[in-house]
Amino acid sequence: MKMFKLIVDVPSAYKKGTKFFLISHSEFIGVKSYVLLAEDLKGKIEVTEEELRSKFVSIH
């Protein structure tokens, strides 16, 4: 399972350094979206491919 680390703060949600598991991805009309689950299992977020590349780093 892939893991990602947040490299920027998300206001009122998660702080920089929070780790996430990639739990699903989908593509609809050329737009890829990903669902990430926080390591502490307290919340999920959905991001686009651009947000994933700009706000997260893969830590396998």
N, C-alpha and C. Protein backbone atom coordinates (compact mmCIF):
# COMPACT_ATOMS: atom_id res chain seq x y z
N MET A 1 0.84 -1.17 0.00
CA MET A 1 0.00 0.00 0.00
C MET A 1 0.89 1.24 0.00
N LYS A 2 0.59 2.18 -0.86
CA LYS A 2 1.39 3.40 -0.96
C LYS A 2 1.09 4.34 0.20
N MET A 3 2.14 5.03 0.64
CA MET A 3 1.98 6.04 1.69
C MET A 3 2.50 7.38 1.16
N PHE A 4 1.84 8.44 1.60
CA PHE A 4 2.22 9.78 1.23
C PHE A 4 2.33 10.64 2.48
N LYS A 5 3.21 11.65 2.42
CA LYS A 5 3.36 12.58 3.53
C LYS A 5 2.99 13.96 3.03
N LEU A 6 2.18 14.66 3.81
CA LEU A 6 1.74 16.02 3.48
C LEU A 6 2.91 16.98 3.64
N ILE A 7 3.17 17.82 2.62
CA ILE A 7 4.29 18.74 2.70
C ILE A 7 3.86 20.19 2.90
N VAL A 8 2.55 20.45 2.92
CA VAL A 8 2.01 21.78 3.23
C VAL A 8 0.83 21.62 4.18
N ASP A 9 0.55 22.63 4.98
CA ASP A 9 -0.60 22.59 5.89
C ASP A 9 -1.90 22.69 5.11
N VAL A 10 -2.91 21.95 5.54
CA VAL A 10 -4.26 22.06 5.02
C VAL A 10 -5.06 22.77 6.12
N PRO A 11 -5.49 24.01 5.86
CA PRO A 11 -6.17 24.77 6.91
C PRO A 11 -7.33 24.01 7.56
N SER A 12 -7.36 24.03 8.85
CA SER A 12 -8.40 23.43 9.70
C SER A 12 -8.57 21.92 9.52
N ALA A 13 -7.58 21.25 8.92
CA ALA A 13 -7.73 19.81 8.74
C ALA A 13 -6.48 19.04 9.17
N TYR A 14 -5.39 19.21 8.44
CA TYR A 14 -4.19 18.42 8.72
C TYR A 14 -2.96 19.31 8.70
N LYS A 15 -1.96 18.93 9.49
CA LYS A 15 -0.72 19.68 9.55
C LYS A 15 0.33 19.03 8.67
N LYS A 16 1.31 19.83 8.30
CA LYS A 16 2.45 19.36 7.52
C LYS A 16 3.10 18.17 8.22
N GLY A 17 3.42 17.13 7.46
CA GLY A 17 4.05 15.94 8.03
C GLY A 17 3.09 14.80 8.31
N THR A 18 1.78 15.05 8.21
CA THR A 18 0.79 13.99 8.42
C THR A 18 0.94 12.93 7.33
N LYS A 19 0.89 11.67 7.73
CA LYS A 19 1.04 10.57 6.78
C LYS A 19 -0.34 10.03 6.38
N PHE A 20 -0.44 9.64 5.11
CA PHE A 20 -1.69 9.14 4.55
C PHE A 20 -1.44 7.86 3.76
N PHE A 21 -2.44 6.98 3.77
CA PHE A 21 -2.45 5.78 2.93
C PHE A 21 -3.32 6.07 1.70
N LEU A 22 -2.86 5.65 0.54
CA LEU A 22 -3.67 5.75 -0.67
C LEU A 22 -4.64 4.57 -0.66
N ILE A 23 -5.95 4.85 -0.57
CA ILE A 23 -6.91 3.75 -0.50
C ILE A 23 -7.68 3.53 -1.79
N SER A 24 -7.78 4.56 -2.65
CA SER A 24 -8.41 4.34 -3.95
C SER A 24 -8.05 5.46 -4.92
N HIS A 25 -8.18 5.15 -6.19
CA HIS A 25 -8.00 6.16 -7.22
C HIS A 25 -8.98 5.86 -8.34
N SER A 26 -9.38 6.92 -9.04
CA SER A 26 -10.31 6.75 -10.15
C SER A 26 -10.02 7.79 -11.21
N GLU A 27 -10.54 7.53 -12.39
CA GLU A 27 -10.38 8.46 -13.49
C GLU A 27 -11.73 8.61 -14.18
N PHE A 28 -12.13 9.86 -14.37
CA PHE A 28 -13.40 10.14 -15.03
C PHE A 28 -13.17 11.26 -16.03
N ILE A 29 -13.36 10.98 -17.29
CA ILE A 29 -13.15 11.94 -18.38
C ILE A 29 -11.77 12.60 -18.28
N GLY A 30 -10.75 11.80 -18.05
CA GLY A 30 -9.38 12.30 -18.02
C GLY A 30 -8.93 12.97 -16.74
N VAL A 31 -9.81 13.07 -15.74
CA VAL A 31 -9.45 13.69 -14.46
C VAL A 31 -9.26 12.59 -13.43
N LYS A 32 -8.04 12.49 -12.91
CA LYS A 32 -7.75 11.46 -11.91
C LYS A 32 -7.99 12.03 -10.52
N SER A 33 -8.60 11.23 -9.67
CA SER A 33 -8.80 11.63 -8.28
C SER A 33 -8.35 10.49 -7.37
N TYR A 34 -7.89 10.86 -6.20
CA TYR A 34 -7.35 9.91 -5.24
C TYR A 34 -7.99 10.12 -3.89
N VAL A 35 -8.25 9.04 -3.16
CA VAL A 35 -8.77 9.11 -1.81
C VAL A 35 -7.65 8.66 -0.88
N LEU A 36 -7.32 9.51 0.08
CA LEU A 36 -6.25 9.24 1.03
C LEU A 36 -6.84 9.15 2.43
N LEU A 37 -6.38 8.17 3.20
CA LEU A 37 -6.82 7.96 4.57
C LEU A 37 -5.68 8.33 5.51
N ALA A 38 -5.97 9.17 6.49
CA ALA A 38 -4.94 9.59 7.44
C ALA A 38 -4.43 8.38 8.22
N GLU A 39 -3.16 8.42 8.58
CA GLU A 39 -2.52 7.30 9.28
C GLU A 39 -3.23 6.98 10.60
N ASP A 40 -3.77 7.99 11.26
CA ASP A 40 -4.46 7.76 12.53
C ASP A 40 -5.91 7.31 12.32
N LEU A 41 -6.31 7.10 11.07
CA LEU A 41 -7.64 6.61 10.66
C LEU A 41 -8.78 7.54 11.07
N LYS A 42 -8.50 8.82 11.26
CA LYS A 42 -9.53 9.77 11.70
C LYS A 42 -10.21 10.51 10.56
N GLY A 43 -9.70 10.42 9.36
CA GLY A 43 -10.35 11.14 8.27
C GLY A 43 -9.81 10.78 6.91
N LYS A 44 -10.62 11.06 5.90
CA LYS A 44 -10.26 10.81 4.51
C LYS A 44 -10.31 12.13 3.76
N ILE A 45 -9.47 12.26 2.75
CA ILE A 45 -9.56 13.40 1.87
C ILE A 45 -9.47 12.92 0.43
N GLU A 46 -10.12 13.66 -0.46
CA GLU A 46 -10.08 13.36 -1.88
C GLU A 46 -9.32 14.48 -2.57
N VAL A 47 -8.33 14.12 -3.37
CA VAL A 47 -7.51 15.11 -4.05
C VAL A 47 -7.38 14.76 -5.52
N THR A 48 -7.10 15.77 -6.33
CA THR A 48 -6.84 15.54 -7.75
C THR A 48 -5.38 15.18 -7.93
N GLU A 49 -5.03 14.80 -9.15
CA GLU A 49 -3.64 14.43 -9.43
C GLU A 49 -2.69 15.61 -9.21
N GLU A 50 -3.12 16.82 -9.59
CA GLU A 50 -2.27 18.00 -9.40
C GLU A 50 -2.04 18.28 -7.92
N GLU A 51 -3.09 18.16 -7.10
CA GLU A 51 -2.94 18.36 -5.66
C GLU A 51 -2.05 17.30 -5.05
N LEU A 52 -2.18 16.07 -5.50
CA LEU A 52 -1.34 14.99 -4.98
C LEU A 52 0.13 15.28 -5.25
N ARG A 53 0.43 15.75 -6.45
CA ARG A 53 1.82 16.04 -6.80
C ARG A 53 2.37 17.28 -6.09
N SER A 54 1.52 18.28 -5.84
CA SER A 54 2.02 19.53 -5.26
C SER A 54 2.00 19.55 -3.74
N LYS A 55 1.13 18.78 -3.12
CA LYS A 55 0.98 18.84 -1.66
C LYS A 55 1.48 17.60 -0.92
N PHE A 56 1.85 16.55 -1.65
CA PHE A 56 2.26 15.31 -1.00
C PHE A 56 3.55 14.79 -1.61
N VAL A 57 4.27 13.99 -0.82
CA VAL A 57 5.45 13.30 -1.30
C VAL A 57 5.28 11.83 -0.96
N SER A 58 5.64 10.96 -1.91
CA SER A 58 5.51 9.52 -1.70
C SER A 58 6.62 9.02 -0.77
N ILE A 59 6.25 8.19 0.22
CA ILE A 59 7.24 7.64 1.14
C ILE A 59 7.23 6.12 1.14
N HIS A 60 6.54 5.50 0.21
CA HIS A 60 6.43 4.04 0.06
C HIS A 60 6.48 3.38 1.40
